Amino acid sequence: MTAEPAGPDELDYLSFVEYAVKKTSTRLPAIDAEAMRLVLTLHRVTSALVYDLESAVHRPRGLSWPGFRVLFVLWLTGPMESKRVAELSGMSRAAVSALVNTLERDGLVSRRQADHDRRAVLLSLTDAGRETITNDYRAHNEREQAWAGTLSEAERRTLIGLLEKLMAGSAAAEAKRRF
C-alpha cells in the first residue's frame, strides 16, 4: 500500500491504485476492495514491465513487443502453424498474420503452406530472425534480472507460485478458453 496523495494532480501511475480503490470503495461500498487492488496493481505492474522491456530493449533493436513474442515462440518451438503461434504468444490470429507480414518483409520470418493442410500457414525463423531473437533475448533477460532483483529468491518463488495459482483458477480457465 502506498501513501495517498493529497489530490488527483499528485497521482502517478502506481499511486493511482490506492486512490482508485479508496474512491471506488466510497462510491460502491459493496465491492471487494482487495480484489480490485490485486487486479489493478497486477495490471499496472505488468503494463509498466512490458513498456520497460519494449522501450529499453526491443524498440531500440527494431522490434515491437508483439514482434518479440512471435520470434520468441518460433525460436523455442521451431517451425509452427501461425494459429499455434497466436495461441502461444497470447495474440489473435489476425494480429499474428498482420505482424508476420512485417517480420517477413524484414527477413526475420518465412512462411509457407503446411503440407498437411493447404489452408494452414507454417511459420519459421530465418537465420536473421534466429540471430535477432538470440541477441534480443540476452538484453531482454538483463532487464528481467533488473526487475526480479528487487525480490529475494524466496519472494520470487512465492510470487511465481501465487501467479501460477491465479492462472490455474476458474476465472483464468474461463479466460483461456477465449484465446
N, C-alpha and C. Protein backbone atom coordinates (compact mmCIF):
# COMPACT_ATOMS: atom_id res chain seq x y z
N MET A 1 0.83 -1.17 0.00
CA MET A 1 0.00 0.00 0.00
C MET A 1 0.88 1.24 0.00
N THR A 2 0.47 2.23 -0.76
CA THR A 2 1.23 3.47 -0.82
C THR A 2 0.46 4.56 -0.11
N ALA A 3 1.16 5.60 0.33
CA ALA A 3 0.50 6.74 0.96
C ALA A 3 -0.34 7.44 -0.09
N GLU A 4 -1.53 7.87 0.34
CA GLU A 4 -2.43 8.52 -0.62
C GLU A 4 -1.98 9.95 -0.88
N PRO A 5 -1.87 10.34 -2.14
CA PRO A 5 -1.53 11.72 -2.47
C PRO A 5 -2.65 12.66 -2.02
N ALA A 6 -2.32 13.92 -1.86
CA ALA A 6 -3.29 14.91 -1.41
C ALA A 6 -4.45 15.05 -2.41
N GLY A 7 -4.17 14.92 -3.69
CA GLY A 7 -5.24 15.07 -4.68
C GLY A 7 -4.87 14.43 -5.99
N PRO A 8 -5.82 14.41 -6.93
CA PRO A 8 -5.59 13.77 -8.23
C PRO A 8 -4.40 14.33 -9.00
N ASP A 9 -4.08 15.59 -8.81
CA ASP A 9 -2.95 16.19 -9.53
C ASP A 9 -1.60 15.62 -9.10
N GLU A 10 -1.55 15.00 -7.94
CA GLU A 10 -0.30 14.46 -7.42
C GLU A 10 -0.16 12.95 -7.67
N LEU A 11 -1.13 12.36 -8.32
CA LEU A 11 -1.09 10.91 -8.58
C LEU A 11 -0.05 10.57 -9.63
N ASP A 12 0.53 9.38 -9.49
CA ASP A 12 1.34 8.82 -10.57
C ASP A 12 0.72 7.47 -10.93
N TYR A 13 1.35 6.79 -11.87
CA TYR A 13 0.79 5.56 -12.41
C TYR A 13 0.46 4.52 -11.34
N LEU A 14 1.37 4.32 -10.38
CA LEU A 14 1.13 3.30 -9.35
C LEU A 14 0.33 3.82 -8.15
N SER A 15 0.53 5.09 -7.77
CA SER A 15 -0.23 5.60 -6.63
C SER A 15 -1.72 5.73 -6.96
N PHE A 16 -2.04 5.74 -8.25
CA PHE A 16 -3.44 5.78 -8.66
C PHE A 16 -4.21 4.57 -8.13
N VAL A 17 -3.54 3.45 -7.93
CA VAL A 17 -4.21 2.24 -7.45
C VAL A 17 -4.88 2.50 -6.11
N GLU A 18 -4.13 2.98 -5.15
CA GLU A 18 -4.69 3.23 -3.82
C GLU A 18 -5.82 4.26 -3.89
N TYR A 19 -5.59 5.29 -4.67
CA TYR A 19 -6.59 6.34 -4.85
C TYR A 19 -7.87 5.75 -5.45
N ALA A 20 -7.72 4.94 -6.50
CA ALA A 20 -8.87 4.34 -7.17
C ALA A 20 -9.64 3.41 -6.23
N VAL A 21 -8.92 2.61 -5.46
CA VAL A 21 -9.57 1.68 -4.54
C VAL A 21 -10.36 2.46 -3.49
N LYS A 22 -9.77 3.50 -2.93
CA LYS A 22 -10.45 4.29 -1.89
C LYS A 22 -11.68 4.99 -2.46
N LYS A 23 -11.53 5.62 -3.60
CA LYS A 23 -12.66 6.34 -4.20
C LYS A 23 -13.77 5.38 -4.61
N THR A 24 -13.40 4.26 -5.22
CA THR A 24 -14.41 3.29 -5.67
C THR A 24 -15.13 2.68 -4.47
N SER A 25 -14.39 2.39 -3.41
CA SER A 25 -14.99 1.82 -2.20
C SER A 25 -15.98 2.78 -1.56
N THR A 26 -15.69 4.05 -1.65
CA THR A 26 -16.60 5.07 -1.12
C THR A 26 -17.88 5.14 -1.95
N ARG A 27 -17.71 5.07 -3.26
CA ARG A 27 -18.87 5.18 -4.16
C ARG A 27 -19.67 3.88 -4.27
N LEU A 28 -18.99 2.75 -4.14
CA LEU A 28 -19.63 1.43 -4.22
C LEU A 28 -19.15 0.58 -3.04
N PRO A 29 -19.69 0.81 -1.84
CA PRO A 29 -19.17 0.15 -0.63
C PRO A 29 -19.19 -1.38 -0.68
N ALA A 30 -20.01 -1.99 -1.51
CA ALA A 30 -20.12 -3.45 -1.53
C ALA A 30 -19.03 -4.13 -2.36
N ILE A 31 -18.17 -3.37 -3.04
CA ILE A 31 -17.14 -4.03 -3.86
C ILE A 31 -16.11 -4.72 -2.98
N ASP A 32 -15.40 -5.64 -3.57
CA ASP A 32 -14.28 -6.29 -2.89
C ASP A 32 -13.04 -5.45 -3.20
N ALA A 33 -12.68 -4.59 -2.27
CA ALA A 33 -11.57 -3.64 -2.48
C ALA A 33 -10.23 -4.36 -2.65
N GLU A 34 -10.03 -5.46 -1.94
CA GLU A 34 -8.77 -6.19 -2.07
C GLU A 34 -8.64 -6.85 -3.44
N ALA A 35 -9.74 -7.40 -3.95
CA ALA A 35 -9.71 -7.97 -5.30
C ALA A 35 -9.40 -6.87 -6.31
N MET A 36 -10.02 -5.71 -6.13
CA MET A 36 -9.76 -4.59 -7.03
C MET A 36 -8.29 -4.18 -6.96
N ARG A 37 -7.77 -4.06 -5.74
CA ARG A 37 -6.36 -3.66 -5.55
C ARG A 37 -5.42 -4.68 -6.20
N LEU A 38 -5.71 -5.96 -6.02
CA LEU A 38 -4.88 -7.02 -6.59
C LEU A 38 -4.84 -6.92 -8.12
N VAL A 39 -6.00 -6.88 -8.74
CA VAL A 39 -6.06 -6.88 -10.20
C VAL A 39 -5.51 -5.58 -10.78
N LEU A 40 -5.85 -4.45 -10.17
CA LEU A 40 -5.35 -3.17 -10.68
C LEU A 40 -3.84 -3.07 -10.52
N THR A 41 -3.31 -3.51 -9.39
CA THR A 41 -1.86 -3.48 -9.19
C THR A 41 -1.16 -4.43 -10.15
N LEU A 42 -1.69 -5.64 -10.28
CA LEU A 42 -1.09 -6.62 -11.19
C LEU A 42 -1.08 -6.09 -12.62
N HIS A 43 -2.19 -5.51 -13.03
CA HIS A 43 -2.27 -4.95 -14.39
C HIS A 43 -1.27 -3.81 -14.57
N ARG A 44 -1.18 -2.93 -13.61
CA ARG A 44 -0.29 -1.77 -13.74
C ARG A 44 1.18 -2.19 -13.71
N VAL A 45 1.53 -3.12 -12.86
CA VAL A 45 2.92 -3.59 -12.83
C VAL A 45 3.26 -4.30 -14.14
N THR A 46 2.35 -5.13 -14.62
CA THR A 46 2.58 -5.83 -15.88
C THR A 46 2.74 -4.84 -17.02
N SER A 47 1.87 -3.84 -17.07
CA SER A 47 1.97 -2.83 -18.13
C SER A 47 3.28 -2.06 -18.06
N ALA A 48 3.70 -1.71 -16.84
CA ALA A 48 4.96 -0.98 -16.68
C ALA A 48 6.15 -1.85 -17.10
N LEU A 49 6.10 -3.12 -16.74
CA LEU A 49 7.17 -4.04 -17.10
C LEU A 49 7.25 -4.22 -18.62
N VAL A 50 6.11 -4.44 -19.26
CA VAL A 50 6.08 -4.61 -20.72
C VAL A 50 6.57 -3.33 -21.40
N TYR A 51 6.10 -2.18 -20.92
CA TYR A 51 6.54 -0.91 -21.50
C TYR A 51 8.06 -0.77 -21.38
N ASP A 52 8.59 -1.12 -20.22
CA ASP A 52 10.03 -1.03 -20.00
C ASP A 52 10.79 -1.96 -20.94
N LEU A 53 10.35 -3.20 -21.05
CA LEU A 53 11.02 -4.14 -21.94
C LEU A 53 10.96 -3.67 -23.39
N GLU A 54 9.80 -3.20 -23.80
CA GLU A 54 9.67 -2.77 -25.19
C GLU A 54 10.51 -1.53 -25.47
N SER A 55 10.47 -0.53 -24.57
CA SER A 55 11.17 0.72 -24.85
C SER A 55 12.68 0.63 -24.59
N ALA A 56 13.09 -0.19 -23.63
CA ALA A 56 14.52 -0.27 -23.30
C ALA A 56 15.26 -1.34 -24.11
N VAL A 57 14.54 -2.37 -24.54
CA VAL A 57 15.20 -3.49 -25.21
C VAL A 57 14.77 -3.62 -26.67
N HIS A 58 13.49 -3.80 -26.90
CA HIS A 58 13.05 -4.23 -28.22
C HIS A 58 12.95 -3.11 -29.25
N ARG A 59 12.37 -2.00 -28.92
CA ARG A 59 12.25 -0.90 -29.89
C ARG A 59 13.63 -0.43 -30.36
N PRO A 60 14.60 -0.24 -29.46
CA PRO A 60 15.92 0.18 -29.95
C PRO A 60 16.56 -0.82 -30.92
N ARG A 61 16.11 -2.07 -30.90
CA ARG A 61 16.64 -3.09 -31.80
C ARG A 61 15.73 -3.33 -32.99
N GLY A 62 14.70 -2.49 -33.13
CA GLY A 62 13.83 -2.57 -34.29
C GLY A 62 12.65 -3.52 -34.18
N LEU A 63 12.37 -4.02 -32.98
CA LEU A 63 11.23 -4.92 -32.79
C LEU A 63 10.17 -4.27 -31.91
N SER A 64 8.94 -4.67 -32.14
CA SER A 64 7.86 -4.31 -31.23
C SER A 64 7.73 -5.43 -30.19
N TRP A 65 6.95 -5.20 -29.15
CA TRP A 65 6.69 -6.24 -28.16
C TRP A 65 6.00 -7.44 -28.83
N PRO A 66 4.96 -7.24 -29.63
CA PRO A 66 4.36 -8.39 -30.31
C PRO A 66 5.35 -9.11 -31.24
N GLY A 67 6.19 -8.35 -31.93
CA GLY A 67 7.19 -8.97 -32.80
C GLY A 67 8.14 -9.85 -32.01
N PHE A 68 8.57 -9.36 -30.86
CA PHE A 68 9.43 -10.16 -29.99
C PHE A 68 8.72 -11.45 -29.58
N ARG A 69 7.46 -11.35 -29.21
CA ARG A 69 6.72 -12.53 -28.76
C ARG A 69 6.63 -13.59 -29.84
N VAL A 70 6.36 -13.19 -31.07
CA VAL A 70 6.28 -14.15 -32.16
C VAL A 70 7.64 -14.79 -32.41
N LEU A 71 8.70 -13.98 -32.48
CA LEU A 71 10.04 -14.54 -32.69
C LEU A 71 10.42 -15.47 -31.54
N PHE A 72 10.08 -15.10 -30.32
CA PHE A 72 10.41 -15.91 -29.15
C PHE A 72 9.74 -17.29 -29.24
N VAL A 73 8.46 -17.31 -29.59
CA VAL A 73 7.75 -18.59 -29.71
C VAL A 73 8.42 -19.45 -30.78
N LEU A 74 8.69 -18.88 -31.94
CA LEU A 74 9.31 -19.66 -33.03
C LEU A 74 10.72 -20.10 -32.68
N TRP A 75 11.44 -19.28 -31.94
CA TRP A 75 12.80 -19.61 -31.51
C TRP A 75 12.78 -20.86 -30.64
N LEU A 76 11.80 -20.93 -29.76
CA LEU A 76 11.73 -22.04 -28.82
C LEU A 76 11.08 -23.29 -29.41
N THR A 77 10.09 -23.11 -30.28
CA THR A 77 9.34 -24.26 -30.78
C THR A 77 9.81 -24.77 -32.12
N GLY A 78 10.47 -23.93 -32.88
CA GLY A 78 10.77 -24.28 -34.26
C GLY A 78 9.57 -23.96 -35.13
N PRO A 79 9.62 -24.39 -36.40
CA PRO A 79 8.52 -24.09 -37.31
C PRO A 79 7.18 -24.51 -36.72
N MET A 80 6.18 -23.65 -36.93
CA MET A 80 4.89 -23.89 -36.31
C MET A 80 3.80 -23.19 -37.11
N GLU A 81 2.61 -23.76 -37.07
CA GLU A 81 1.47 -23.12 -37.73
C GLU A 81 1.17 -21.78 -37.08
N SER A 82 0.76 -20.84 -37.90
CA SER A 82 0.51 -19.49 -37.39
C SER A 82 -0.57 -19.47 -36.31
N LYS A 83 -1.58 -20.33 -36.42
CA LYS A 83 -2.63 -20.33 -35.39
C LYS A 83 -2.06 -20.77 -34.03
N ARG A 84 -1.10 -21.69 -34.03
CA ARG A 84 -0.47 -22.11 -32.76
C ARG A 84 0.45 -21.02 -32.23
N VAL A 85 1.14 -20.31 -33.13
CA VAL A 85 1.97 -19.18 -32.70
C VAL A 85 1.07 -18.15 -32.02
N ALA A 86 -0.11 -17.90 -32.58
CA ALA A 86 -1.05 -16.96 -31.98
C ALA A 86 -1.44 -17.42 -30.58
N GLU A 87 -1.77 -18.67 -30.43
CA GLU A 87 -2.15 -19.21 -29.12
C GLU A 87 -1.02 -19.05 -28.10
N LEU A 88 0.18 -19.46 -28.48
CA LEU A 88 1.30 -19.46 -27.54
C LEU A 88 1.83 -18.07 -27.23
N SER A 89 1.59 -17.13 -28.12
CA SER A 89 2.05 -15.76 -27.87
C SER A 89 0.96 -14.91 -27.24
N GLY A 90 -0.24 -15.46 -27.09
CA GLY A 90 -1.34 -14.72 -26.49
C GLY A 90 -1.90 -13.64 -27.40
N MET A 91 -1.79 -13.86 -28.70
CA MET A 91 -2.27 -12.88 -29.67
C MET A 91 -3.37 -13.50 -30.52
N SER A 92 -4.13 -12.65 -31.20
CA SER A 92 -5.15 -13.15 -32.11
C SER A 92 -4.48 -13.64 -33.39
N ARG A 93 -5.17 -14.50 -34.12
CA ARG A 93 -4.64 -14.98 -35.39
C ARG A 93 -4.47 -13.82 -36.37
N ALA A 94 -5.42 -12.89 -36.35
CA ALA A 94 -5.34 -11.74 -37.26
C ALA A 94 -4.12 -10.89 -36.94
N ALA A 95 -3.84 -10.69 -35.64
CA ALA A 95 -2.69 -9.89 -35.25
C ALA A 95 -1.39 -10.57 -35.69
N VAL A 96 -1.31 -11.87 -35.51
CA VAL A 96 -0.10 -12.60 -35.93
C VAL A 96 0.05 -12.53 -37.44
N SER A 97 -1.04 -12.70 -38.15
CA SER A 97 -0.98 -12.65 -39.61
C SER A 97 -0.47 -11.29 -40.09
N ALA A 98 -0.99 -10.22 -39.53
CA ALA A 98 -0.54 -8.88 -39.92
C ALA A 98 0.92 -8.65 -39.53
N LEU A 99 1.29 -9.11 -38.35
CA LEU A 99 2.65 -8.94 -37.85
C LEU A 99 3.65 -9.72 -38.69
N VAL A 100 3.26 -10.92 -39.12
CA VAL A 100 4.16 -11.75 -39.92
C VAL A 100 4.49 -11.07 -41.24
N ASN A 101 3.56 -10.28 -41.76
CA ASN A 101 3.87 -9.52 -42.98
C ASN A 101 5.10 -8.65 -42.76
N THR A 102 5.14 -7.96 -41.63
CA THR A 102 6.28 -7.09 -41.30
C THR A 102 7.53 -7.92 -41.03
N LEU A 103 7.41 -8.98 -40.25
CA LEU A 103 8.56 -9.81 -39.91
C LEU A 103 9.13 -10.49 -41.15
N GLU A 104 8.26 -10.87 -42.06
CA GLU A 104 8.71 -11.48 -43.31
C GLU A 104 9.42 -10.43 -44.18
N ARG A 105 8.83 -9.25 -44.28
CA ARG A 105 9.44 -8.17 -45.06
C ARG A 105 10.83 -7.84 -44.52
N ASP A 106 10.98 -7.90 -43.19
CA ASP A 106 12.27 -7.60 -42.56
C ASP A 106 13.24 -8.77 -42.60
N GLY A 107 12.83 -9.88 -43.18
CA GLY A 107 13.71 -11.03 -43.34
C GLY A 107 13.91 -11.86 -42.09
N LEU A 108 12.98 -11.75 -41.12
CA LEU A 108 13.13 -12.46 -39.85
C LEU A 108 12.33 -13.75 -39.80
N VAL A 109 11.26 -13.82 -40.56
CA VAL A 109 10.36 -14.98 -40.56
C VAL A 109 10.05 -15.34 -42.01
N SER A 110 9.90 -16.63 -42.24
CA SER A 110 9.41 -17.08 -43.55
C SER A 110 8.12 -17.85 -43.31
N ARG A 111 7.30 -17.89 -44.32
CA ARG A 111 6.05 -18.66 -44.21
C ARG A 111 5.85 -19.47 -45.48
N ARG A 112 5.21 -20.61 -45.25
CA ARG A 112 4.89 -21.47 -46.38
C ARG A 112 3.62 -22.24 -46.04
N GLN A 113 3.04 -22.80 -47.05
CA GLN A 113 1.85 -23.61 -46.89
C GLN A 113 2.22 -24.90 -46.16
N ALA A 114 1.42 -25.29 -45.20
CA ALA A 114 1.67 -26.54 -44.48
C ALA A 114 1.37 -27.73 -45.39
N ASP A 115 2.16 -28.78 -45.25
CA ASP A 115 1.99 -29.97 -46.08
C ASP A 115 0.67 -30.67 -45.81
N HIS A 116 0.23 -30.69 -44.55
CA HIS A 116 -0.96 -31.46 -44.17
C HIS A 116 -2.28 -30.74 -44.46
N ASP A 117 -2.22 -29.41 -44.68
CA ASP A 117 -3.44 -28.63 -44.89
C ASP A 117 -3.09 -27.40 -45.70
N ARG A 118 -3.60 -27.32 -46.90
CA ARG A 118 -3.24 -26.21 -47.79
C ARG A 118 -3.67 -24.85 -47.24
N ARG A 119 -4.64 -24.84 -46.31
CA ARG A 119 -5.10 -23.57 -45.73
C ARG A 119 -4.19 -23.10 -44.59
N ALA A 120 -3.47 -24.02 -43.99
CA ALA A 120 -2.61 -23.68 -42.85
C ALA A 120 -1.30 -23.06 -43.32
N VAL A 121 -0.82 -22.11 -42.53
CA VAL A 121 0.43 -21.43 -42.83
C VAL A 121 1.46 -21.83 -41.79
N LEU A 122 2.61 -22.30 -42.25
CA LEU A 122 3.70 -22.70 -41.37
C LEU A 122 4.72 -21.56 -41.30
N LEU A 123 5.03 -21.12 -40.11
CA LEU A 123 5.99 -20.03 -39.89
C LEU A 123 7.31 -20.60 -39.41
N SER A 124 8.41 -20.00 -39.85
CA SER A 124 9.75 -20.39 -39.43
C SER A 124 10.60 -19.15 -39.27
N LEU A 125 11.58 -19.26 -38.38
CA LEU A 125 12.59 -18.20 -38.28
C LEU A 125 13.57 -18.35 -39.43
N THR A 126 14.01 -17.23 -39.96
CA THR A 126 15.13 -17.24 -40.89
C THR A 126 16.41 -17.21 -40.07
N ASP A 127 17.54 -17.33 -40.70
CA ASP A 127 18.81 -17.21 -39.98
C ASP A 127 18.91 -15.83 -39.32
N ALA A 128 18.47 -14.79 -40.04
CA ALA A 128 18.49 -13.43 -39.48
C ALA A 128 17.54 -13.32 -38.29
N GLY A 129 16.40 -13.99 -38.38
CA GLY A 129 15.44 -13.99 -37.27
C GLY A 129 16.00 -14.68 -36.04
N ARG A 130 16.68 -15.80 -36.27
CA ARG A 130 17.30 -16.56 -35.17
C ARG A 130 18.38 -15.72 -34.49
N GLU A 131 19.18 -15.04 -35.28
CA GLU A 131 20.24 -14.18 -34.72
C GLU A 131 19.62 -13.00 -33.97
N THR A 132 18.57 -12.42 -34.52
CA THR A 132 17.90 -11.29 -33.87
C THR A 132 17.33 -11.67 -32.52
N ILE A 133 16.58 -12.77 -32.47
CA ILE A 133 15.94 -13.15 -31.21
C ILE A 133 16.98 -13.60 -30.19
N THR A 134 18.04 -14.25 -30.63
CA THR A 134 19.10 -14.67 -29.69
C THR A 134 19.73 -13.45 -29.03
N ASN A 135 20.07 -12.45 -29.82
CA ASN A 135 20.68 -11.23 -29.27
C ASN A 135 19.68 -10.44 -28.44
N ASP A 136 18.45 -10.32 -28.94
CA ASP A 136 17.44 -9.57 -28.20
C ASP A 136 17.12 -10.23 -26.87
N TYR A 137 17.05 -11.57 -26.88
CA TYR A 137 16.70 -12.22 -25.61
C TYR A 137 17.78 -12.02 -24.55
N ARG A 138 19.02 -11.96 -24.95
CA ARG A 138 20.07 -11.69 -23.96
C ARG A 138 19.82 -10.35 -23.27
N ALA A 139 19.54 -9.31 -24.06
CA ALA A 139 19.25 -7.99 -23.50
C ALA A 139 17.94 -8.00 -22.71
N HIS A 140 16.95 -8.73 -23.22
CA HIS A 140 15.66 -8.87 -22.54
C HIS A 140 15.86 -9.47 -21.14
N ASN A 141 16.68 -10.52 -21.08
CA ASN A 141 16.91 -11.18 -19.80
C ASN A 141 17.66 -10.29 -18.81
N GLU A 142 18.50 -9.42 -19.31
CA GLU A 142 19.16 -8.46 -18.40
C GLU A 142 18.12 -7.57 -17.73
N ARG A 143 17.11 -7.13 -18.49
CA ARG A 143 16.03 -6.31 -17.91
C ARG A 143 15.18 -7.16 -16.97
N GLU A 144 14.94 -8.43 -17.34
CA GLU A 144 14.20 -9.32 -16.44
C GLU A 144 14.93 -9.43 -15.10
N GLN A 145 16.25 -9.57 -15.16
CA GLN A 145 17.04 -9.66 -13.93
C GLN A 145 16.93 -8.38 -13.10
N ALA A 146 16.90 -7.23 -13.77
CA ALA A 146 16.78 -5.97 -13.05
C ALA A 146 15.43 -5.90 -12.32
N TRP A 147 14.37 -6.32 -12.98
CA TRP A 147 13.05 -6.32 -12.34
C TRP A 147 13.00 -7.36 -11.21
N ALA A 148 13.48 -8.56 -11.48
CA ALA A 148 13.40 -9.63 -10.48
C ALA A 148 14.35 -9.39 -9.31
N GLY A 149 15.41 -8.61 -9.54
CA GLY A 149 16.40 -8.35 -8.49
C GLY A 149 15.85 -7.63 -7.27
N THR A 150 14.67 -7.05 -7.41
CA THR A 150 14.02 -6.38 -6.28
C THR A 150 13.58 -7.39 -5.22
N LEU A 151 13.37 -8.61 -5.65
CA LEU A 151 12.86 -9.66 -4.76
C LEU A 151 13.95 -10.65 -4.39
N SER A 152 13.83 -11.21 -3.19
CA SER A 152 14.74 -12.28 -2.78
C SER A 152 14.33 -13.55 -3.53
N GLU A 153 15.20 -14.57 -3.49
CA GLU A 153 14.86 -15.84 -4.15
C GLU A 153 13.57 -16.42 -3.59
N ALA A 154 13.41 -16.36 -2.28
CA ALA A 154 12.19 -16.89 -1.66
C ALA A 154 10.96 -16.09 -2.11
N GLU A 155 11.08 -14.79 -2.19
CA GLU A 155 9.97 -13.96 -2.66
C GLU A 155 9.63 -14.27 -4.11
N ARG A 156 10.65 -14.49 -4.93
CA ARG A 156 10.40 -14.84 -6.33
C ARG A 156 9.61 -16.13 -6.42
N ARG A 157 10.06 -17.15 -5.69
CA ARG A 157 9.37 -18.45 -5.71
C ARG A 157 7.93 -18.29 -5.24
N THR A 158 7.72 -17.51 -4.18
CA THR A 158 6.37 -17.29 -3.67
C THR A 158 5.50 -16.58 -4.70
N LEU A 159 6.04 -15.54 -5.29
CA LEU A 159 5.27 -14.80 -6.29
C LEU A 159 4.95 -15.67 -7.50
N ILE A 160 5.91 -16.43 -7.98
CA ILE A 160 5.67 -17.33 -9.10
C ILE A 160 4.57 -18.33 -8.74
N GLY A 161 4.65 -18.90 -7.55
CA GLY A 161 3.63 -19.84 -7.10
C GLY A 161 2.25 -19.21 -7.03
N LEU A 162 2.18 -17.99 -6.53
CA LEU A 162 0.89 -17.31 -6.44
C LEU A 162 0.33 -16.97 -7.82
N LEU A 163 1.20 -16.52 -8.73
CA LEU A 163 0.74 -16.22 -10.09
C LEU A 163 0.28 -17.48 -10.81
N GLU A 164 1.01 -18.58 -10.61
CA GLU A 164 0.59 -19.85 -11.20
C GLU A 164 -0.75 -20.30 -10.63
N LYS A 165 -0.96 -20.05 -9.34
CA LYS A 165 -2.24 -20.40 -8.71
C LYS A 165 -3.37 -19.56 -9.32
N LEU A 166 -3.10 -18.27 -9.56
CA LEU A 166 -4.10 -17.42 -10.22
C LEU A 166 -4.44 -17.97 -11.60
N MET A 167 -3.42 -18.38 -12.35
CA MET A 167 -3.62 -18.89 -13.71
C MET A 167 -4.35 -20.24 -13.73
N ALA A 168 -4.31 -20.97 -12.62
CA ALA A 168 -4.99 -22.27 -12.54
C ALA A 168 -6.42 -22.12 -12.04
N GLY A 169 -6.80 -20.93 -11.61
CA GLY A 169 -8.14 -20.71 -11.06
C GLY A 169 -9.23 -20.75 -12.12
N SER A 170 -10.47 -20.82 -11.64
CA SER A 170 -11.60 -20.96 -12.56
C SER A 170 -11.78 -19.73 -13.46
N ALA A 171 -11.53 -18.53 -12.97
CA ALA A 171 -11.67 -17.33 -13.81
C ALA A 171 -10.62 -17.35 -14.93
N ALA A 172 -9.42 -17.78 -14.60
CA ALA A 172 -8.37 -17.87 -15.62
C ALA A 172 -8.69 -18.95 -16.64
N ALA A 173 -9.22 -20.07 -16.18
CA ALA A 173 -9.59 -21.16 -17.10
C ALA A 173 -10.65 -20.67 -18.08
N GLU A 174 -11.60 -19.91 -17.59
CA GLU A 174 -12.64 -19.35 -18.46
C GLU A 174 -12.04 -18.37 -19.47
N ALA A 175 -11.10 -17.55 -19.02
CA ALA A 175 -10.46 -16.58 -19.91
C ALA A 175 -9.61 -17.28 -20.95
N LYS A 176 -8.93 -18.36 -20.56
CA LYS A 176 -8.06 -19.09 -21.50
C LYS A 176 -8.86 -19.71 -22.64
N ARG A 177 -10.13 -20.04 -22.40
CA ARG A 177 -10.95 -20.62 -23.46
C ARG A 177 -11.22 -19.61 -24.56
N ARG A 178 -11.08 -18.31 -24.26
CA ARG A 178 -11.32 -17.27 -25.26
C ARG A 178 -10.10 -17.03 -26.12
N PHE A 179 -8.93 -17.54 -25.72
CA PHE A 179 -7.71 -17.33 -26.51
C PHE A 179 -7.74 -18.16 -27.76
